Amino acid sequence: MTLKLATFLAENAPHWGCVTEDGFAAMTDVAPTLLGGICRLGMAALVDAAHGRQTTHENAHHLMSMPDARRILCVGVNFPNRNAEYKDGSEQPKHMSLFPRFASGFTGHNCPLVRPPESHQLDYEGEVAIVIGKGGRRIAEADAYDHIAALTICNEGTIRDWVRHAKFNVTQGKNWDRSGAIGPWLVPFTDPAQLDDARIITRVNGEVRQDDVLSRMMFPIRRQIQYISTFMTLQPGDIIVTGTPTGAGARFDPPRYLVPGDVVEVEVNTIGTLRNTVEDEAL
């Protein structure tokens, strides 16, 4: 069984640990949080510490994989057909688009995405996310995979009309509370095939909306790590959300935004499936 590390809520308190067949095995004796374990001990030590653990919590549910994540960077417009979706006549970009997201904008597996009353243009974006395990500056592409600790899945939910409130940024539309999800767990990164052979499929109510492979990215993950580490020192626990395929709801004619009662599933063959429902924000 592939090791899966998750953050979960049990007995009204957050815990973290490994996923078992019938629940979770808490590992808070190793570090206070999953982020703390990655930063202080490293993924290899967490793998060793998880060995042989028995279930401690059966009645628990997932939280965002790393709810205390300090820095989350997202790569935009990173599949060949995505640039064409904008229908603005622009050429394929020379450099990748980047924007920040904050942990408060994400919920966990099997939890609802929240549609705010200010806008009903809640959209889905299925993506692979990587967690940095070894920090560095000006990391060479050839060495980039050595800096990855783990992989997870992101539904990078977006409030579409709020990404156009200003000329040069999308921050507003990308950071509504609990508009996206990260989970259901982290899997240790041990083999390049986990990324090189990864396929993203996003389904809404069982209908396939997105389906593509990471090998078609315009800016591969090795390049992302190299480029980002040029201007900032990457640190253990940093999350990079690596880009979504064509097929988001905004690109249909007419658009097909999420509504309460919808079920969104993002499946990545080398990681698992992130599932969320949709509900309106309770006021």
C-alpha atoms as a PDB file:
ATOM      1  CA  MET A   1       0.000   0.000   0.000  1.00  0.00           C
ATOM      2  CA  THR A   2       1.390   3.399  -1.018  1.00  0.00           C
ATOM      3  CA  LEU A   3       2.022   5.621   1.979  1.00  0.00           C
ATOM      4  CA  LYS A   4      -0.459   8.484   2.171  1.00  0.00           C
ATOM      5  CA  LEU A   5       0.000  11.311   4.664  1.00  0.00           C
ATOM      6  CA  ALA A   6      -2.988  13.479   5.501  1.00  0.00           C
ATOM      7  CA  THR A   7      -4.314  16.115   7.871  1.00  0.00           C
ATOM      8  CA  PHE A   8      -7.659  15.232   9.417  1.00  0.00           C
ATOM      9  CA  LEU A   9     -10.245  16.381  11.942  1.00  0.00           C
ATOM     10  CA  ALA A  10     -11.157  14.049  14.791  1.00  0.00           C
ATOM     11  CA  GLU A  11     -12.797  14.787  18.127  1.00  0.00           C
ATOM     12  CA  ASN A  12     -13.051  18.455  17.108  1.00  0.00           C
ATOM     13  CA  ALA A  13      -9.296  18.822  16.790  1.00  0.00           C
ATOM     14  CA  PRO A  14      -6.896  18.713  13.831  1.00  0.00           C
ATOM     15  CA  HIS A  15      -4.392  15.859  13.616  1.00  0.00           C
ATOM     16  CA  TRP A  16      -2.097  14.471  10.968  1.00  0.00           C
ATOM     17  CA  GLY A  17      -0.819  11.038  10.161  1.00  0.00           C
ATOM     18  CA  CYS A  18      -0.974   8.225   7.646  1.00  0.00           C
ATOM     19  CA  VAL A  19      -4.090   6.896   5.968  1.00  0.00           C
ATOM     20  CA  THR A  20      -5.005   3.322   6.902  1.00  0.00           C
ATOM     21  CA  GLU A  21      -7.579   0.929   5.458  1.00  0.00           C
ATOM     22  CA  ASP A  22     -10.144   1.913   8.074  1.00  0.00           C
ATOM     23  CA  GLY A  23      -9.159   5.457   9.015  1.00  0.00           C
ATOM     24  CA  PHE A  24      -6.049   7.313  10.093  1.00  0.00           C
ATOM     25  CA  ALA A  25      -3.018   6.616  12.262  1.00  0.00           C
ATOM     26  CA  ALA A  26      -2.061   9.793  14.087  1.00  0.00           C
ATOM     27  CA  MET A  27       1.594  10.860  13.968  1.00  0.00           C
ATOM     28  CA  THR A  28       1.502  13.979  16.115  1.00  0.00           C
ATOM     29  CA  ASP A  29       4.123  12.337  18.333  1.00  0.00           C
ATOM     30  CA  VAL A  30       6.580  12.870  15.462  1.00  0.00           C
ATOM     31  CA  ALA A  31       5.817  16.552  14.775  1.00  0.00           C
ATOM     32  CA  PRO A  32       2.934  18.889  15.629  1.00  0.00           C
ATOM     33  CA  THR A  33       1.839  19.199  11.982  1.00  0.00           C
ATOM     34  CA  LEU A  34       2.550  17.575   8.642  1.00  0.00           C
ATOM     35  CA  LEU A  35       4.235  20.791   7.496  1.00  0.00           C
ATOM     36  CA  GLY A  36       6.412  20.743  10.594  1.00  0.00           C
ATOM     37  CA  GLY A  37       7.400  17.152   9.926  1.00  0.00           C
ATOM     38  CA  ILE A  38       8.460  17.935   6.352  1.00  0.00           C
ATOM     39  CA  CYS A  39      10.389  21.053   7.387  1.00  0.00           C
ATOM     40  CA  ARG A  40      12.151  19.622  10.462  1.00  0.00           C
ATOM     41  CA  LEU A  41      12.617  15.948   9.660  1.00  0.00           C
ATOM     42  CA  GLY A  42      12.166  15.456   5.917  1.00  0.00           C
ATOM     43  CA  MET A  43       9.981  13.052   3.995  1.00  0.00           C
ATOM     44  CA  ALA A  44      12.295  10.045   4.351  1.00  0.00           C
ATOM     45  CA  ALA A  45      12.088  10.279   8.146  1.00  0.00           C
ATOM     46  CA  LEU A  46       8.293  10.570   8.007  1.00  0.00           C
ATOM     47  CA  VAL A  47       8.107   7.450   5.840  1.00  0.00           C
ATOM     48  CA  ASP A  48      10.171   5.558   8.409  1.00  0.00           C
ATOM     49  CA  ALA A  49       8.072   6.883  11.290  1.00  0.00           C
ATOM     50  CA  ALA A  50       4.834   5.789   9.596  1.00  0.00           C
ATOM     51  CA  HIS A  51       5.946   2.173   9.233  1.00  0.00           C
ATOM     52  CA  GLY A  52       3.784  -0.286  11.174  1.00  0.00           C
ATOM     53  CA  ARG A  53       1.379   2.258  12.633  1.00  0.00           C
ATOM     54  CA  GLN A  54      -2.107   1.125  13.523  1.00  0.00           C
ATOM     55  CA  THR A  55      -5.378   3.034  13.154  1.00  0.00           C
ATOM     56  CA  THR A  56      -6.010   5.553  15.915  1.00  0.00           C
ATOM     57  CA  HIS A  57      -9.025   7.373  14.447  1.00  0.00           C
ATOM     58  CA  GLU A  58     -11.844   5.804  12.438  1.00  0.00           C
ATOM     59  CA  ASN A  59     -14.432   8.570  12.682  1.00  0.00           C
ATOM     60  CA  ALA A  60     -12.513  11.432  11.128  1.00  0.00           C
ATOM     61  CA  HIS A  61     -12.587  13.471   7.962  1.00  0.00           C
ATOM     62  CA  HIS A  62      -9.985  15.085   5.759  1.00  0.00           C
ATOM     63  CA  LEU A  63      -8.790  18.647   6.059  1.00  0.00           C
ATOM     64  CA  MET A  64      -6.707  20.549   3.495  1.00  0.00           C
ATOM     65  CA  SER A  65      -3.503  18.507   3.307  1.00  0.00           C
ATOM     66  CA  MET A  66      -1.305  21.251   4.808  1.00  0.00           C
ATOM     67  CA  PRO A  67      -3.629  23.888   6.316  1.00  0.00           C
ATOM     68  CA  ASP A  68      -0.658  25.801   7.739  1.00  0.00           C
ATOM     69  CA  ALA A  69       1.163  26.023   4.389  1.00  0.00           C
ATOM     70  CA  ARG A  70       3.044  29.313   4.289  1.00  0.00           C
ATOM     71  CA  ARG A  71       3.574  29.778   0.546  1.00  0.00           C
ATOM     72  CA  ILE A  72       1.482  28.459  -2.333  1.00  0.00           C
ATOM     73  CA  LEU A  73       2.424  29.475  -5.887  1.00  0.00           C
ATOM     74  CA  CYS A  74       0.235  28.593  -8.868  1.00  0.00           C
ATOM     75  CA  VAL A  75       1.240  28.328 -12.522  1.00  0.00           C
ATOM     76  CA  GLY A  76      -1.367  29.624 -14.962  1.00  0.00           C
ATOM     77  CA  VAL A  77      -2.119  28.812 -18.621  1.00  0.00           C
ATOM     78  CA  ASN A  78       0.296  25.881 -18.795  1.00  0.00           C
ATOM     79  CA  PHE A  79      -1.211  23.508 -21.352  1.00  0.00           C
ATOM     80  CA  PRO A  80      -1.056  24.179 -25.129  1.00  0.00           C
ATOM     81  CA  ASN A  81      -4.814  24.527 -25.626  1.00  0.00           C
ATOM     82  CA  ARG A  82      -5.244  26.774 -22.580  1.00  0.00           C
ATOM     83  CA  ASN A  83      -3.695  29.812 -24.272  1.00  0.00           C
ATOM     84  CA  ALA A  84      -6.025  29.373 -27.256  1.00  0.00           C
ATOM     85  CA  GLU A  85      -9.028  29.198 -24.875  1.00  0.00           C
ATOM     86  CA  TYR A  86      -8.603  32.881 -24.081  1.00  0.00           C
ATOM     87  CA  LYS A  87      -9.336  33.799 -27.726  1.00  0.00           C
ATOM     88  CA  ASP A  88      -7.251  36.968 -27.465  1.00  0.00           C
ATOM     89  CA  GLY A  89      -4.935  36.266 -30.384  1.00  0.00           C
ATOM     90  CA  SER A  90      -1.857  36.123 -28.175  1.00  0.00           C
ATOM     91  CA  GLU A  91       1.079  33.889 -28.988  1.00  0.00           C
ATOM     92  CA  GLN A  92       2.258  31.116 -26.723  1.00  0.00           C
ATOM     93  CA  PRO A  93       3.916  32.893 -23.759  1.00  0.00           C
ATOM     94  CA  LYS A  94       7.688  32.909 -23.394  1.00  0.00           C
ATOM     95  CA  HIS A  95       7.541  32.792 -19.598  1.00  0.00           C
ATOM     96  CA  MET A  96       5.069  31.172 -17.232  1.00  0.00           C
ATOM     97  CA  SER A  97       2.313  33.086 -15.454  1.00  0.00           C
ATOM     98  CA  LEU A  98       2.434  32.889 -11.641  1.00  0.00           C
ATOM     99  CA  PHE A  99       0.149  34.003  -8.834  1.00  0.00           C
ATOM    100  CA  PRO A 100      -0.110  33.336  -5.079  1.00  0.00           C
ATOM    101  CA  ARG A 101      -2.818  31.507  -3.230  1.00  0.00           C
ATOM    102  CA  PHE A 102      -3.319  31.282   0.494  1.00  0.00           C
ATOM    103  CA  ALA A 103      -4.181  28.235   2.570  1.00  0.00           C
ATOM    104  CA  SER A 104      -7.463  29.819   3.720  1.00  0.00           C
ATOM    105  CA  GLY A 105      -8.736  29.483   0.144  1.00  0.00           C
ATOM    106  CA  PHE A 106      -8.648  25.676   0.302  1.00  0.00           C
ATOM    107  CA  THR A 107     -10.680  22.978   1.974  1.00  0.00           C
ATOM    108  CA  GLY A 108     -10.129  19.221   2.153  1.00  0.00           C
ATOM    109  CA  HIS A 109     -11.238  16.020   0.443  1.00  0.00           C
ATOM    110  CA  ASN A 110     -14.981  15.279   0.693  1.00  0.00           C
ATOM    111  CA  CYS A 111     -15.622  18.814   1.968  1.00  0.00           C
ATOM    112  CA  PRO A 112     -17.751  21.369   0.102  1.00  0.00           C
ATOM    113  CA  LEU A 113     -16.370  24.073  -2.127  1.00  0.00           C
ATOM    114  CA  VAL A 114     -18.076  27.294  -1.081  1.00  0.00           C
ATOM    115  CA  ARG A 115     -19.805  29.591  -3.564  1.00  0.00           C
ATOM    116  CA  PRO A 116     -19.998  33.178  -2.210  1.00  0.00           C
ATOM    117  CA  PRO A 117     -23.052  35.399  -2.547  1.00  0.00           C
ATOM    118  CA  GLU A 118     -20.999  38.061  -4.336  1.00  0.00           C
ATOM    119  CA  SER A 119     -20.582  35.876  -7.434  1.00  0.00           C
ATOM    120  CA  HIS A 120     -21.993  32.654  -8.860  1.00  0.00           C
ATOM    121  CA  GLN A 121     -19.042  32.161 -11.226  1.00  0.00           C
ATOM    122  CA  LEU A 122     -17.324  29.429  -9.166  1.00  0.00           C
ATOM    123  CA  ASP A 123     -15.174  27.350 -11.507  1.00  0.00           C
ATOM    124  CA  TYR A 124     -13.026  24.215 -11.187  1.00  0.00           C
ATOM    125  CA  GLU A 125      -9.411  23.606 -12.233  1.00  0.00           C
ATOM    126  CA  GLY A 126      -7.900  20.154 -11.686  1.00  0.00           C
ATOM    127  CA  GLU A 127      -4.141  20.197 -11.111  1.00  0.00           C
ATOM    128  CA  VAL A 128      -1.162  18.356  -9.679  1.00  0.00           C
ATOM    129  CA  ALA A 129       0.608  20.096  -6.805  1.00  0.00           C
ATOM    130  CA  ILE A 130       4.137  19.454  -5.605  1.00  0.00           C
ATOM    131  CA  VAL A 131       5.518  19.996  -2.104  1.00  0.00           C
ATOM    132  CA  ILE A 132       9.114  21.145  -1.802  1.00  0.00           C
ATOM    133  CA  GLY A 133      11.242  19.049   0.538  1.00  0.00           C
ATOM    134  CA  LYS A 134      14.700  20.547   0.018  1.00  0.00           C
ATOM    135  CA  GLY A 135      15.058  24.271  -0.362  1.00  0.00           C
ATOM    136  CA  GLY A 136      17.307  26.055  -2.774  1.00  0.00           C
ATOM    137  CA  ARG A 137      18.014  29.054  -4.966  1.00  0.00           C
ATOM    138  CA  ARG A 138      18.739  28.963  -8.707  1.00  0.00           C
ATOM    139  CA  ILE A 139      18.070  25.250  -8.887  1.00  0.00           C
ATOM    140  CA  ALA A 140      19.111  23.624 -12.162  1.00  0.00           C
ATOM    141  CA  GLU A 141      16.390  21.834 -14.135  1.00  0.00           C
ATOM    142  CA  ALA A 142      18.438  18.632 -14.012  1.00  0.00           C
ATOM    143  CA  ASP A 143      18.363  18.760 -10.196  1.00  0.00           C
ATOM    144  CA  ALA A 144      14.766  19.955  -9.773  1.00  0.00           C
ATOM    145  CA  TYR A 145      13.168  16.616  -8.909  1.00  0.00           C
ATOM    146  CA  ASP A 146      15.654  16.193  -6.047  1.00  0.00           C
ATOM    147  CA  HIS A 147      13.884  19.092  -4.309  1.00  0.00           C
ATOM    148  CA  ILE A 148      10.381  17.527  -4.322  1.00  0.00           C
ATOM    149  CA  ALA A 149       9.168  15.813  -1.146  1.00  0.00           C
ATOM    150  CA  ALA A 150       5.624  14.848  -2.080  1.00  0.00           C
ATOM    151  CA  LEU A 151       2.735  15.169  -4.510  1.00  0.00           C
ATOM    152  CA  THR A 152      -0.912  15.996  -3.991  1.00  0.00           C
ATOM    153  CA  ILE A 153      -3.968  17.108  -5.993  1.00  0.00           C
ATOM    154  CA  CYS A 154      -5.492  20.571  -6.230  1.00  0.00           C
ATOM    155  CA  ASN A 155      -8.870  21.786  -7.408  1.00  0.00           C
ATOM    156  CA  GLU A 156      -7.793  25.376  -7.902  1.00  0.00           C
ATOM    157  CA  GLY A 157     -11.294  26.833  -7.642  1.00  0.00           C
ATOM    158  CA  THR A 158     -11.724  30.302  -9.093  1.00  0.00           C
ATOM    159  CA  ILE A 159     -14.352  33.048  -8.898  1.00  0.00           C
ATOM    160  CA  ARG A 160     -14.062  34.052 -12.547  1.00  0.00           C
ATOM    161  CA  ASP A 161     -15.448  37.573 -12.626  1.00  0.00           C
ATOM    162  CA  TRP A 162     -13.219  38.566  -9.689  1.00  0.00           C
ATOM    163  CA  VAL A 163     -10.012  37.780 -11.604  1.00  0.00           C
ATOM    164  CA  ARG A 164     -10.737  40.833 -13.756  1.00  0.00           C
ATOM    165  CA  HIS A 165     -11.139  43.452 -11.015  1.00  0.00           C
ATOM    166  CA  ALA A 166      -7.760  44.960 -11.881  1.00  0.00           C
ATOM    167  CA  LYS A 167      -5.517  45.151 -14.914  1.00  0.00           C
ATOM    168  CA  PHE A 168      -2.528  43.053 -13.844  1.00  0.00           C
ATOM    169  CA  ASN A 169      -3.597  40.602 -11.145  1.00  0.00           C
ATOM    170  CA  VAL A 170      -5.908  37.684 -10.454  1.00  0.00           C
ATOM    171  CA  THR A 171      -5.387  37.477  -6.681  1.00  0.00           C
ATOM    172  CA  GLN A 172      -8.936  38.481  -5.761  1.00  0.00           C
ATOM    173  CA  GLY A 173     -10.606  35.767  -7.813  1.00  0.00           C
ATOM    174  CA  LYS A 174      -8.186  33.109  -6.650  1.00  0.00           C
ATOM    175  CA  ASN A 175      -8.427  33.451  -2.886  1.00  0.00           C
ATOM    176  CA  TRP A 176     -12.040  33.258  -1.773  1.00  0.00           C
ATOM    177  CA  ASP A 177     -12.315  31.241   1.441  1.00  0.00           C
ATOM    178  CA  ARG A 178     -12.751  27.497   0.774  1.00  0.00           C
ATOM    179  CA  SER A 179     -13.249  28.026  -2.950  1.00  0.00           C
ATOM    180  CA  GLY A 180     -10.710  25.321  -3.812  1.00  0.00           C
ATOM    181  CA  ALA A 181      -9.362  22.106  -2.328  1.00  0.00           C
ATOM    182  CA  ILE A 182      -6.008  20.379  -1.797  1.00  0.00           C
ATOM    183  CA  GLY A 183      -5.819  16.688  -0.933  1.00  0.00           C
ATOM    184  CA  PRO A 184      -6.834  14.086  -0.204  1.00  0.00           C
ATOM    185  CA  TRP A 185      -3.281  13.310   0.942  1.00  0.00           C
ATOM    186  CA  LEU A 186       0.394  13.670   0.179  1.00  0.00           C
ATOM    187  CA  VAL A 187       2.218  10.763  -1.446  1.00  0.00           C
ATOM    188  CA  PRO A 188       6.014  10.696  -1.145  1.00  0.00           C
ATOM    189  CA  PHE A 189       7.795  11.486  -4.393  1.00  0.00           C
ATOM    190  CA  THR A 190      10.090   8.549  -5.106  1.00  0.00           C
ATOM    191  CA  ASP A 191       9.988   8.024  -8.878  1.00  0.00           C
ATOM    192  CA  PRO A 192      10.042  10.506 -11.800  1.00  0.00           C
ATOM    193  CA  ALA A 193       7.250   8.454 -13.412  1.00  0.00           C
ATOM    194  CA  GLN A 194       4.882   9.779 -10.733  1.00  0.00           C
ATOM    195  CA  LEU A 195       5.014  13.080 -12.620  1.00  0.00           C
ATOM    196  CA  ASP A 196       6.194  12.105 -16.085  1.00  0.00           C
ATOM    197  CA  ASP A 197       3.354   9.566 -16.497  1.00  0.00           C
ATOM    198  CA  ALA A 198       0.683  11.499 -14.593  1.00  0.00           C
ATOM    199  CA  ARG A 199      -2.740  12.138 -16.122  1.00  0.00           C
ATOM    200  CA  ILE A 200      -5.322  14.627 -14.830  1.00  0.00           C
ATOM    201  CA  ILE A 201      -9.043  13.906 -15.276  1.00  0.00           C
ATOM    202  CA  THR A 202     -11.642  16.291 -13.853  1.00  0.00           C
ATOM    203  CA  ARG A 203     -15.269  15.174 -13.672  1.00  0.00           C
ATOM    204  CA  VAL A 204     -18.343  17.195 -12.736  1.00  0.00           C
ATOM    205  CA  ASN A 205     -21.267  14.990 -11.759  1.00  0.00           C
ATOM    206  CA  GLY A 206     -19.507  12.120 -13.538  1.00  0.00           C
ATOM    207  CA  GLU A 207     -18.982  14.016 -16.801  1.00  0.00           C
ATOM    208  CA  VAL A 208     -15.375  14.366 -17.945  1.00  0.00           C
ATOM    209  CA  ARG A 209     -14.535  18.048 -18.344  1.00  0.00           C
ATOM    210  CA  GLN A 210     -10.712  17.953 -18.322  1.00  0.00           C
ATOM    211  CA  ASP A 211      -8.389  15.179 -19.480  1.00  0.00           C
ATOM    212  CA  ASP A 212      -4.684  15.655 -20.223  1.00  0.00           C
ATOM    213  CA  VAL A 213      -1.198  14.466 -19.289  1.00  0.00           C
ATOM    214  CA  LEU A 214       1.547  16.408 -17.549  1.00  0.00           C
ATOM    215  CA  SER A 215       4.006  15.577 -20.304  1.00  0.00           C
ATOM    216  CA  ARG A 216       2.162  18.111 -22.515  1.00  0.00           C
ATOM    217  CA  MET A 217       2.796  21.058 -20.205  1.00  0.00           C
ATOM    218  CA  MET A 218       4.313  24.096 -21.891  1.00  0.00           C
ATOM    219  CA  PHE A 219       6.390  24.686 -18.765  1.00  0.00           C
ATOM    220  CA  PRO A 220       7.290  21.287 -17.264  1.00  0.00           C
ATOM    221  CA  ILE A 221       7.684  20.931 -13.518  1.00  0.00           C
ATOM    222  CA  ARG A 222      11.479  20.839 -13.732  1.00  0.00           C
ATOM    223  CA  ARG A 223      11.323  24.208 -15.498  1.00  0.00           C
ATOM    224  CA  GLN A 224       8.869  25.568 -12.921  1.00  0.00           C
ATOM    225  CA  ILE A 225      11.239  24.802 -10.054  1.00  0.00           C
ATOM    226  CA  GLN A 226      14.194  26.264 -11.952  1.00  0.00           C
ATOM    227  CA  TYR A 227      12.324  29.452 -12.904  1.00  0.00           C
ATOM    228  CA  ILE A 228      10.692  30.112  -9.526  1.00  0.00           C
ATOM    229  CA  SER A 229      13.927  29.478  -7.624  1.00  0.00           C
ATOM    230  CA  THR A 230      15.644  32.087  -9.775  1.00  0.00           C
ATOM    231  CA  PHE A 231      13.848  34.957  -8.040  1.00  0.00           C
ATOM    232  CA  MET A 232      12.980  33.400  -4.656  1.00  0.00           C
ATOM    233  CA  THR A 233      14.587  30.840  -2.388  1.00  0.00           C
ATOM    234  CA  LEU A 234      12.332  27.809  -2.284  1.00  0.00           C
ATOM    235  CA  GLN A 235      11.825  26.419   1.217  1.00  0.00           C
ATOM    236  CA  PRO A 236      10.666  23.036   2.561  1.00  0.00           C
ATOM    237  CA  GLY A 237       6.880  23.004   2.699  1.00  0.00           C
ATOM    238  CA  ASP A 238       6.360  25.376  -0.228  1.00  0.00           C
ATOM    239  CA  ILE A 239       3.594  24.208  -2.571  1.00  0.00           C
ATOM    240  CA  ILE A 240       3.621  24.718  -6.334  1.00  0.00           C
ATOM    241  CA  VAL A 241       0.310  24.139  -8.135  1.00  0.00           C
ATOM    242  CA  THR A 242       1.488  23.238 -11.598  1.00  0.00           C
ATOM    243  CA  GLY A 243      -1.285  24.112 -14.085  1.00  0.00           C
ATOM    244  CA  THR A 244      -4.682  22.951 -15.313  1.00  0.00           C
ATOM    245  CA  PRO A 245      -5.689  21.448 -18.692  1.00  0.00           C
ATOM    246  CA  THR A 246      -8.246  22.912 -21.043  1.00  0.00           C
ATOM    247  CA  GLY A 247     -11.912  22.398 -20.190  1.00  0.00           C
ATOM    248  CA  ALA A 248     -12.681  24.679 -17.235  1.00  0.00           C
ATOM    249  CA  GLY A 249     -16.311  25.764 -16.988  1.00  0.00           C
ATOM    250  CA  ALA A 250     -15.636  29.355 -18.062  1.00  0.00           C
ATOM    251  CA  ARG A 251     -14.439  28.184 -21.482  1.00  0.00           C
ATOM    252  CA  PHE A 252     -17.739  26.605 -22.522  1.00  0.00           C
ATOM    253  CA  ASP A 253     -20.312  28.576 -24.514  1.00  0.00           C
ATOM    254  CA  PRO A 254     -22.329  29.321 -22.481  1.00  0.00           C
ATOM    255  CA  PRO A 255     -20.106  28.923 -19.390  1.00  0.00           C
ATOM    256  CA  ARG A 256     -20.795  25.979 -17.097  1.00  0.00           C
ATOM    257  CA  TYR A 257     -20.062  27.196 -13.595  1.00  0.00           C
ATOM    258  CA  LEU A 258     -20.452  25.074 -10.480  1.00  0.00           C
ATOM    259  CA  VAL A 259     -23.742  25.160  -8.589  1.00  0.00           C
ATOM    260  CA  PRO A 260     -24.773  23.808  -5.188  1.00  0.00           C
ATOM    261  CA  GLY A 261     -25.187  20.040  -5.275  1.00  0.00           C
ATOM    262  CA  ASP A 262     -22.491  19.469  -7.912  1.00  0.00           C
ATOM    263  CA  VAL A 263     -19.826  16.855  -7.262  1.00  0.00           C
ATOM    264  CA  VAL A 264     -16.326  17.572  -8.599  1.00  0.00           C
ATOM    265  CA  GLU A 265     -13.684  14.853  -8.787  1.00  0.00           C
ATOM    266  CA  VAL A 266     -10.072  15.416  -9.809  1.00  0.00           C
ATOM    267  CA  GLU A 267      -8.308  12.132 -10.501  1.00  0.00           C
ATOM    268  CA  VAL A 268      -4.560  11.784 -10.971  1.00  0.00           C
ATOM    269  CA  ASN A 269      -3.532   8.218 -11.732  1.00  0.00           C
ATOM    270  CA  THR A 270      -0.305   8.391  -9.710  1.00  0.00           C
ATOM    271  CA  ILE A 271      -1.838  10.081  -6.633  1.00  0.00           C
ATOM    272  CA  GLY A 272      -5.548   9.355  -6.169  1.00  0.00           C
ATOM    273  CA  THR A 273      -8.853  11.222  -6.422  1.00  0.00           C
ATOM    274  CA  LEU A 274      -9.846  14.502  -4.774  1.00  0.00           C
ATOM    275  CA  ARG A 275     -13.630  14.764  -4.367  1.00  0.00           C
ATOM    276  CA  ASN A 276     -15.691  17.797  -3.360  1.00  0.00           C
ATOM    277  CA  THR A 277     -19.303  18.865  -3.316  1.00  0.00           C
ATOM    278  CA  VAL A 278     -20.482  22.464  -3.804  1.00  0.00           C
ATOM    279  CA  GLU A 279     -22.609  24.575  -1.495  1.00  0.00           C
ATOM    280  CA  ASP A 280     -23.541  28.225  -1.027  1.00  0.00           C
ATOM    281  CA  GLU A 281     -21.855  30.160   1.745  1.00  0.00           C
ATOM    282  CA  ALA A 282     -23.926  30.263   4.901  1.00  0.00           C
ATOM    283  CA  LEU A 283     -24.543  33.863   5.934  1.00  0.00           C
END
